PDB file of N, CA and C in Angstrom:
ATOM      1  N   MET A   1       0.838  -1.242   0.056  1.00  0.00           N
ATOM      2  CA  MET A   1      -0.149  -0.018  -0.033  1.00  0.00           C
ATOM      3  C   MET A   1       1.037   1.303  -0.019  1.00  0.00           C
ATOM      4  N   ALA A   2       0.702   2.172  -0.862  1.00  0.00           N
ATOM      5  CA  ALA A   2       1.431   3.406  -0.975  1.00  0.00           C
ATOM      6  C   ALA A   2       1.167   4.262   0.113  1.00  0.00           C
ATOM      7  N   ARG A   3       2.144   5.141   0.536  1.00  0.00           N
ATOM      8  CA  ARG A   3       1.863   6.115   1.662  1.00  0.00           C
ATOM      9  C   ARG A   3       1.082   7.099   1.015  1.00  0.00           C
ATOM     10  N   LYS A   4       0.534   7.954   2.008  1.00  0.00           N
ATOM     11  CA  LYS A   4      -0.224   9.122   1.602  1.00  0.00           C
ATOM     12  C   LYS A   4       0.632  10.185   1.060  1.00  0.00           C
ATOM     13  N   LEU A   5       0.125  11.072   0.297  1.00  0.00           N
ATOM     14  CA  LEU A   5       0.984  12.184  -0.299  1.00  0.00           C
ATOM     15  C   LEU A   5       1.399  13.082   0.883  1.00  0.00           C
ATOM     16  N   ARG A   6       2.649  13.622   0.819  1.00  0.00           N
ATOM     17  CA  ARG A   6       3.066  14.487   1.855  1.00  0.00           C
ATOM     18  C   ARG A   6       2.567  15.883   1.533  1.00  0.00           C
ATOM     19  N   LEU A   7       2.007  16.560   2.517  1.00  0.00           N
ATOM     20  CA  LEU A   7       1.579  17.897   2.350  1.00  0.00           C
ATOM     21  C   LEU A   7       2.794  18.909   2.350  1.00  0.00           C
ATOM     22  N   GLU A   8       2.814  19.696   1.321  1.00  0.00           N
ATOM     23  CA  GLU A   8       3.857  20.585   1.326  1.00  0.00           C
ATOM     24  C   GLU A   8       3.255  22.016   1.292  1.00  0.00           C
ATOM     25  N   TYR A   9       3.984  22.867   2.074  1.00  0.00           N
ATOM     26  CA  TYR A   9       3.561  24.241   2.063  1.00  0.00           C
ATOM     27  C   TYR A   9       4.717  25.129   2.430  1.00  0.00           C
ATOM     28  N   ALA A  10       4.887  26.340   1.903  1.00  0.00           N
ATOM     29  CA  ALA A  10       6.049  27.300   2.224  1.00  0.00           C
ATOM     30  C   ALA A  10       6.051  27.459   3.685  1.00  0.00           C
ATOM     31  N   GLY A  11       7.266  27.496   4.311  1.00  0.00           N
ATOM     32  CA  GLY A  11       7.547  27.825   5.566  1.00  0.00           C
ATOM     33  C   GLY A  11       7.325  26.508   6.446  1.00  0.00           C
ATOM     34  N   ALA A  12       7.104  25.326   6.012  1.00  0.00           N
ATOM     35  CA  ALA A  12       6.736  24.162   6.692  1.00  0.00           C
ATOM     36  C   ALA A  12       8.207  23.752   7.470  1.00  0.00           C
ATOM     37  N   ILE A  13       7.894  23.092   8.551  1.00  0.00           N
ATOM     38  CA  ILE A  13       9.107  22.378   9.314  1.00  0.00           C
ATOM     39  C   ILE A  13       8.871  20.961   9.255  1.00  0.00           C
ATOM     40  N   TYR A  14       9.853  20.101   8.751  1.00  0.00           N
ATOM     41  CA  TYR A  14       9.638  18.745   8.593  1.00  0.00           C
ATOM     42  C   TYR A  14      10.719  17.962   9.495  1.00  0.00           C
ATOM     43  N   HIS A  15      10.364  16.805  10.010  1.00  0.00           N
ATOM     44  CA  HIS A  15      11.287  15.809  10.388  1.00  0.00           C
ATOM     45  C   HIS A  15      11.393  14.764   9.370  1.00  0.00           C
ATOM     46  N   VAL A  16      12.552  14.708   8.664  1.00  0.00           N
ATOM     47  CA  VAL A  16      12.676  13.766   7.546  1.00  0.00           C
ATOM     48  C   VAL A  16      13.706  12.710   8.051  1.00  0.00           C
ATOM     49  N   MET A  17      13.364  11.394   7.789  1.00  0.00           N
ATOM     50  CA  MET A  17      14.423  10.253   8.022  1.00  0.00           C
ATOM     51  C   MET A  17      14.370   9.374   6.786  1.00  0.00           C
ATOM     52  N   ASN A  18      15.623   8.601   6.797  1.00  0.00           N
ATOM     53  CA  ASN A  18      15.664   7.758   5.728  1.00  0.00           C
ATOM     54  C   ASN A  18      16.607   6.599   6.179  1.00  0.00           C
ATOM     55  N   ARG A  19      16.207   5.369   5.942  1.00  0.00           N
ATOM     56  CA  ARG A  19      16.987   4.210   6.360  1.00  0.00           C
ATOM     57  C   ARG A  19      17.648   3.552   5.061  1.00  0.00           C
ATOM     58  N   GLY A  20      18.612   2.727   5.370  1.00  0.00           N
ATOM     59  CA  GLY A  20      19.132   1.916   4.325  1.00  0.00           C
ATOM     60  C   GLY A  20      18.203   0.683   4.011  1.00  0.00           C
ATOM     61  N   ASP A  21      18.354  -0.009   2.821  1.00  0.00           N
ATOM     62  CA  ASP A  21      17.487  -1.094   2.550  1.00  0.00           C
ATOM     63  C   ASP A  21      17.841  -2.271   3.626  1.00  0.00           C
ATOM     64  N   ARG A  22      16.892  -2.838   4.012  1.00  0.00           N
ATOM     65  CA  ARG A  22      16.986  -3.949   5.063  1.00  0.00           C
ATOM     66  C   ARG A  22      17.972  -3.617   6.225  1.00  0.00           C
ATOM     67  N   GLN A  23      17.884  -2.200   6.527  1.00  0.00           N
ATOM     68  CA  GLN A  23      18.693  -1.704   7.689  1.00  0.00           C
ATOM     69  C   GLN A  23      20.032  -1.870   7.534  1.00  0.00           C
ATOM     70  N   GLU A  24      20.508  -1.941   6.209  1.00  0.00           N
ATOM     71  CA  GLU A  24      22.014  -2.076   6.010  1.00  0.00           C
ATOM     72  C   GLU A  24      22.657  -0.714   6.057  1.00  0.00           C
ATOM     73  N   PRO A  25      23.949  -0.567   6.386  1.00  0.00           N
ATOM     74  CA  PRO A  25      24.608   0.747   6.575  1.00  0.00           C
ATOM     75  C   PRO A  25      24.459   1.668   5.356  1.00  0.00           C
ATOM     76  N   ILE A  26      24.318   2.929   5.558  1.00  0.00           N
ATOM     77  CA  ILE A  26      24.475   3.800   4.431  1.00  0.00           C
ATOM     78  C   ILE A  26      25.599   4.723   4.610  1.00  0.00           C
ATOM     79  N   PHE A  27      26.322   4.763   5.770  1.00  0.00           N
ATOM     80  CA  PHE A  27      27.579   5.308   5.946  1.00  0.00           C
ATOM     81  C   PHE A  27      28.525   4.368   6.346  1.00  0.00           C
ATOM     82  N   GLU A  28      29.743   4.094   5.637  1.00  0.00           N
ATOM     83  CA  GLU A  28      30.747   3.332   6.041  1.00  0.00           C
ATOM     84  C   GLU A  28      31.861   4.023   6.961  1.00  0.00           C
ATOM     85  N   ASP A  29      32.039   5.235   6.834  1.00  0.00           N
ATOM     86  CA  ASP A  29      33.151   5.933   7.600  1.00  0.00           C
ATOM     87  C   ASP A  29      32.813   7.464   7.483  1.00  0.00           C
ATOM     88  N   ALA A  30      33.721   8.225   8.203  1.00  0.00           N
ATOM     89  CA  ALA A  30      33.641   9.644   8.316  1.00  0.00           C
ATOM     90  C   ALA A  30      33.562  10.416   6.896  1.00  0.00           C
ATOM     91  N   SER A  31      34.375   9.733   5.872  1.00  0.00           N
ATOM     92  CA  SER A  31      34.294  10.381   4.586  1.00  0.00           C
ATOM     93  C   SER A  31      32.990  10.337   3.873  1.00  0.00           C
ATOM     94  N   ASP A  32      32.243   9.241   4.129  1.00  0.00           N
ATOM     95  CA  ASP A  32      30.889   9.014   3.650  1.00  0.00           C
ATOM     96  C   ASP A  32      30.021  10.102   4.196  1.00  0.00           C
ATOM     97  N   ARG A  33      30.089  10.310   5.520  1.00  0.00           N
ATOM     98  CA  ARG A  33      29.298  11.353   6.201  1.00  0.00           C
ATOM     99  C   ARG A  33      29.640  12.714   5.681  1.00  0.00           C
ATOM    100  N   GLU A  34      30.953  13.000   5.446  1.00  0.00           N
ATOM    101  CA  GLU A  34      31.366  14.394   4.963  1.00  0.00           C
ATOM    102  C   GLU A  34      30.833  14.557   3.532  1.00  0.00           C
ATOM    103  N   ARG A  35      30.769  13.454   2.623  1.00  0.00           N
ATOM    104  CA  ARG A  35      30.127  13.639   1.291  1.00  0.00           C
ATOM    105  C   ARG A  35      28.609  13.896   1.472  1.00  0.00           C
ATOM    106  N   PHE A  36      27.920  13.109   2.392  1.00  0.00           N
ATOM    107  CA  PHE A  36      26.568  13.239   2.644  1.00  0.00           C
ATOM    108  C   PHE A  36      26.366  14.820   3.018  1.00  0.00           C
ATOM    109  N   LEU A  37      27.047  15.308   3.852  1.00  0.00           N
ATOM    110  CA  LEU A  37      26.816  16.587   4.358  1.00  0.00           C
ATOM    111  C   LEU A  37      27.096  17.604   3.180  1.00  0.00           C
ATOM    112  N   GLY A  38      27.957  17.494   2.393  1.00  0.00           N
ATOM    113  CA  GLY A  38      28.299  18.267   1.299  1.00  0.00           C
ATOM    114  C   GLY A  38      27.097  18.184   0.301  1.00  0.00           C
ATOM    115  N   ALA A  39      26.567  17.044   0.013  1.00  0.00           N
ATOM    116  CA  ALA A  39      25.391  16.973  -0.873  1.00  0.00           C
ATOM    117  C   ALA A  39      24.232  17.705  -0.164  1.00  0.00           C
ATOM    118  N   LEU A  40      24.032  17.463   0.995  1.00  0.00           N
ATOM    119  CA  LEU A  40      22.916  18.233   1.738  1.00  0.00           C
ATOM    120  C   LEU A  40      23.138  19.654   1.711  1.00  0.00           C
ATOM    121  N   ALA A  41      24.329  20.288   1.777  1.00  0.00           N
ATOM    122  CA  ALA A  41      24.559  21.700   1.583  1.00  0.00           C
ATOM    123  C   ALA A  41      24.270  22.111   0.242  1.00  0.00           C
ATOM    124  N   GLU A  42      24.585  21.280  -0.818  1.00  0.00           N
ATOM    125  CA  GLU A  42      24.239  21.649  -2.090  1.00  0.00           C
ATOM    126  C   GLU A  42      22.747  21.632  -2.350  1.00  0.00           C
ATOM    127  N   ALA A  43      21.999  20.787  -1.771  1.00  0.00           N
ATOM    128  CA  ALA A  43      20.596  20.761  -1.894  1.00  0.00           C
ATOM    129  C   ALA A  43      19.956  21.995  -1.229  1.00  0.00           C
ATOM    130  N   CYS A  44      20.572  22.422  -0.099  1.00  0.00           N
ATOM    131  CA  CYS A  44      20.063  23.569   0.611  1.00  0.00           C
ATOM    132  C   CYS A  44      20.202  24.841  -0.192  1.00  0.00           C
ATOM    133  N   VAL A  45      21.340  24.875  -0.922  1.00  0.00           N
ATOM    134  CA  VAL A  45      21.541  25.984  -1.873  1.00  0.00           C
ATOM    135  C   VAL A  45      20.550  25.945  -2.946  1.00  0.00           C
ATOM    136  N   LYS A  46      20.269  24.781  -3.621  1.00  0.00           N
ATOM    137  CA  LYS A  46      19.404  24.678  -4.782  1.00  0.00           C
ATOM    138  C   LYS A  46      17.933  24.965  -4.322  1.00  0.00           C
ATOM    139  N   THR A  47      17.463  24.498  -3.060  1.00  0.00           N
ATOM    140  CA  THR A  47      16.043  24.590  -2.629  1.00  0.00           C
ATOM    141  C   THR A  47      15.762  25.680  -1.772  1.00  0.00           C
ATOM    142  N   GLY A  48      16.692  26.329  -0.925  1.00  0.00           N
ATOM    143  CA  GLY A  48      16.406  27.261  -0.037  1.00  0.00           C
ATOM    144  C   GLY A  48      16.195  26.776   1.370  1.00  0.00           C
ATOM    145  N   TRP A  49      16.369  25.393   1.434  1.00  0.00           N
ATOM    146  CA  TRP A  49      16.123  24.711   2.803  1.00  0.00           C
ATOM    147  C   TRP A  49      16.943  25.236   3.757  1.00  0.00           C
ATOM    148  N   GLN A  50      16.549  25.128   5.045  1.00  0.00           N
ATOM    149  CA  GLN A  50      17.208  25.509   6.173  1.00  0.00           C
ATOM    150  C   GLN A  50      17.199  24.397   7.087  1.00  0.00           C
ATOM    151  N   VAL A  51      18.513  23.691   7.285  1.00  0.00           N
ATOM    152  CA  VAL A  51      18.428  22.627   8.259  1.00  0.00           C
ATOM    153  C   VAL A  51      18.755  23.070   9.613  1.00  0.00           C
ATOM    154  N   HIS A  52      17.709  22.708  10.527  1.00  0.00           N
ATOM    155  CA  HIS A  52      17.798  23.207  11.964  1.00  0.00           C
ATOM    156  C   HIS A  52      18.618  22.120  12.809  1.00  0.00           C
ATOM    157  N   ALA A  53      18.632  20.769  12.374  1.00  0.00           N
ATOM    158  CA  ALA A  53      19.247  19.758  13.267  1.00  0.00           C
ATOM    159  C   ALA A  53      19.404  18.453  12.211  1.00  0.00           C
ATOM    160  N   TYR A  54      20.474  17.807  12.499  1.00  0.00           N
ATOM    161  CA  TYR A  54      20.551  16.496  11.883  1.00  0.00           C
ATOM    162  C   TYR A  54      21.254  15.489  12.769  1.00  0.00           C
ATOM    163  N   CYS A  55      21.103  14.228  12.481  1.00  0.00           N
ATOM    164  CA  CYS A  55      21.618  13.177  13.170  1.00  0.00           C
ATOM    165  C   CYS A  55      22.097  12.104  12.039  1.00  0.00           C
ATOM    166  N   LEU A  56      23.255  11.615  11.958  1.00  0.00           N
ATOM    167  CA  LEU A  56      23.736  10.625  11.065  1.00  0.00           C
ATOM    168  C   LEU A  56      24.040   9.472  11.866  1.00  0.00           C
ATOM    169  N   MET A  57      23.299   8.415  11.575  1.00  0.00           N
ATOM    170  CA  MET A  57      23.442   7.031  12.220  1.00  0.00           C
ATOM    171  C   MET A  57      24.153   6.207  11.193  1.00  0.00           C
ATOM    172  N   GLY A  58      24.499   5.016  11.624  1.00  0.00           N
ATOM    173  CA  GLY A  58      25.074   4.043  10.625  1.00  0.00           C
ATOM    174  C   GLY A  58      24.281   3.598   9.460  1.00  0.00           C
ATOM    175  N   ASN A  59      22.957   3.316   9.793  1.00  0.00           N
ATOM    176  CA  ASN A  59      22.164   2.876   8.678  1.00  0.00           C
ATOM    177  C   ASN A  59      20.938   3.794   8.520  1.00  0.00           C
ATOM    178  N   HIS A  60      20.934   4.959   9.000  1.00  0.00           N
ATOM    179  CA  HIS A  60      19.827   6.064   8.713  1.00  0.00           C
ATOM    180  C   HIS A  60      20.224   7.343   9.102  1.00  0.00           C
ATOM    181  N   PHE A  61      19.457   8.321   8.692  1.00  0.00           N
ATOM    182  CA  PHE A  61      19.799   9.681   9.149  1.00  0.00           C
ATOM    183  C   PHE A  61      18.335  10.411   9.381  1.00  0.00           C
ATOM    184  N   HIS A  62      18.512  11.489  10.246  1.00  0.00           N
ATOM    185  CA  HIS A  62      17.288  12.248  10.560  1.00  0.00           C
ATOM    186  C   HIS A  62      17.653  13.641  10.167  1.00  0.00           C
ATOM    187  N   LEU A  63      16.652  14.488   9.761  1.00  0.00           N
ATOM    188  CA  LEU A  63      16.828  15.976   9.442  1.00  0.00           C
ATOM    189  C   LEU A  63      15.680  16.630  10.071  1.00  0.00           C
ATOM    190  N   VAL A  64      15.888  17.736  10.544  1.00  0.00           N
ATOM    191  CA  VAL A  64      14.726  18.762  11.104  1.00  0.00           C
ATOM    192  C   VAL A  64      15.049  19.848  10.114  1.00  0.00           C
ATOM    193  N   MET A  65      14.172  20.232   9.145  1.00  0.00           N
ATOM    194  CA  MET A  65      14.499  21.177   8.234  1.00  0.00           C
ATOM    195  C   MET A  65      13.159  22.054   8.001  1.00  0.00           C
ATOM    196  N   GLU A  66      13.533  23.176   7.478  1.00  0.00           N
ATOM    197  CA  GLU A  66      12.382  24.298   7.069  1.00  0.00           C
ATOM    198  C   GLU A  66      12.498  24.331   5.606  1.00  0.00           C
ATOM    199  N   THR A  67      11.316  24.527   4.971  1.00  0.00           N
ATOM    200  CA  THR A  67      11.227  24.722   3.512  1.00  0.00           C
ATOM    201  C   THR A  67      10.731  26.012   3.220  1.00  0.00           C
ATOM    202  N   PRO A  68      11.353  27.092   2.934  1.00  0.00           N
ATOM    203  CA  PRO A  68      10.726  28.505   2.710  1.00  0.00           C
ATOM    204  C   PRO A  68       9.726  28.398   1.405  1.00  0.00           C
ATOM    205  N   GLN A  69       9.999  27.260   0.504  1.00  0.00           N
ATOM    206  CA  GLN A  69       9.210  27.218  -0.584  1.00  0.00           C
ATOM    207  C   GLN A  69       8.509  25.730  -0.484  1.00  0.00           C
ATOM    208  N   ALA A  70       7.599  25.428  -1.086  1.00  0.00           N
ATOM    209  CA  ALA A  70       6.843  24.108  -0.948  1.00  0.00           C
ATOM    210  C   ALA A  70       7.586  23.278  -1.930  1.00  0.00           C
ATOM    211  N   ASN A  71       8.780  22.655  -1.532  1.00  0.00           N
ATOM    212  CA  ASN A  71       9.706  21.950  -2.494  1.00  0.00           C
ATOM    213  C   ASN A  71      10.268  20.695  -1.773  1.00  0.00           C
ATOM    214  N   LEU A  72       9.735  20.328  -0.741  1.00  0.00           N
ATOM    215  CA  LEU A  72      10.315  19.166  -0.014  1.00  0.00           C
ATOM    216  C   LEU A  72      10.480  17.787  -1.065  1.00  0.00           C
ATOM    217  N   VAL A  73       9.349  17.500  -1.532  1.00  0.00           N
ATOM    218  CA  VAL A  73       9.477  16.108  -2.425  1.00  0.00           C
ATOM    219  C   VAL A  73      10.488  16.353  -3.536  1.00  0.00           C
ATOM    220  N   ALA A  74      10.423  17.398  -4.185  1.00  0.00           N
ATOM    221  CA  ALA A  74      11.249  17.643  -5.460  1.00  0.00           C
ATOM    222  C   ALA A  74      12.788  17.628  -4.915  1.00  0.00           C
ATOM    223  N   GLY A  75      12.935  18.417  -3.848  1.00  0.00           N
ATOM    224  CA  GLY A  75      14.395  18.593  -3.334  1.00  0.00           C
ATOM    225  C   GLY A  75      14.835  17.137  -2.846  1.00  0.00           C
ATOM    226  N   MET A  76      13.962  16.431  -2.182  1.00  0.00           N
ATOM    227  CA  MET A  76      14.609  15.094  -1.568  1.00  0.00           C
ATOM    228  C   MET A  76      14.638  14.148  -2.774  1.00  0.00           C
ATOM    229  N   GLN A  77      13.931  14.236  -3.843  1.00  0.00           N
ATOM    230  CA  GLN A  77      14.303  13.439  -5.045  1.00  0.00           C
ATOM    231  C   GLN A  77      15.578  13.618  -5.569  1.00  0.00           C
ATOM    232  N   TRP A  78      15.963  14.948  -5.650  1.00  0.00           N
ATOM    233  CA  TRP A  78      17.260  15.172  -6.204  1.00  0.00           C
ATOM    234  C   TRP A  78      18.282  14.808  -5.234  1.00  0.00           C
ATOM    235  N   PHE A  79      18.213  15.143  -3.960  1.00  0.00           N
ATOM    236  CA  PHE A  79      19.070  14.841  -2.973  1.00  0.00           C
ATOM    237  C   PHE A  79      19.438  13.337  -2.768  1.00  0.00           C
ATOM    238  N   LEU A  80      18.405  12.493  -2.658  1.00  0.00           N
ATOM    239  CA  LEU A  80      18.609  11.075  -2.417  1.00  0.00           C
ATOM    240  C   LEU A  80      19.146  10.338  -3.639  1.00  0.00           C
ATOM    241  N   SER A  81      19.057  10.995  -4.805  1.00  0.00           N
ATOM    242  CA  SER A  81      19.645  10.419  -6.103  1.00  0.00           C
ATOM    243  C   SER A  81      20.994  10.879  -6.260  1.00  0.00           C
ATOM    244  N   THR A  82      21.530  11.774  -5.559  1.00  0.00           N
ATOM    245  CA  THR A  82      22.891  12.319  -5.752  1.00  0.00           C
ATOM    246  C   THR A  82      23.869  11.590  -5.261  1.00  0.00           C
TER     247      THR A  82
END
């Protein structure tokens, strides 16, 4: 069953999280985490997002972010495919 569409609106604050498939690691080392943060910074420049907090775990991550424009889904599609 597909999940419900995410409501998007300008100025929204979201808690976003993503896990590796079958709870497999998505970060192997500090270098992976640095590349992830670099891509996140690039996504913020492209979308105008403001990240208020983040937590990088071995097999998942959490972000608390604000979207000045209603562009979370489009931005996450770019970010997660980068």
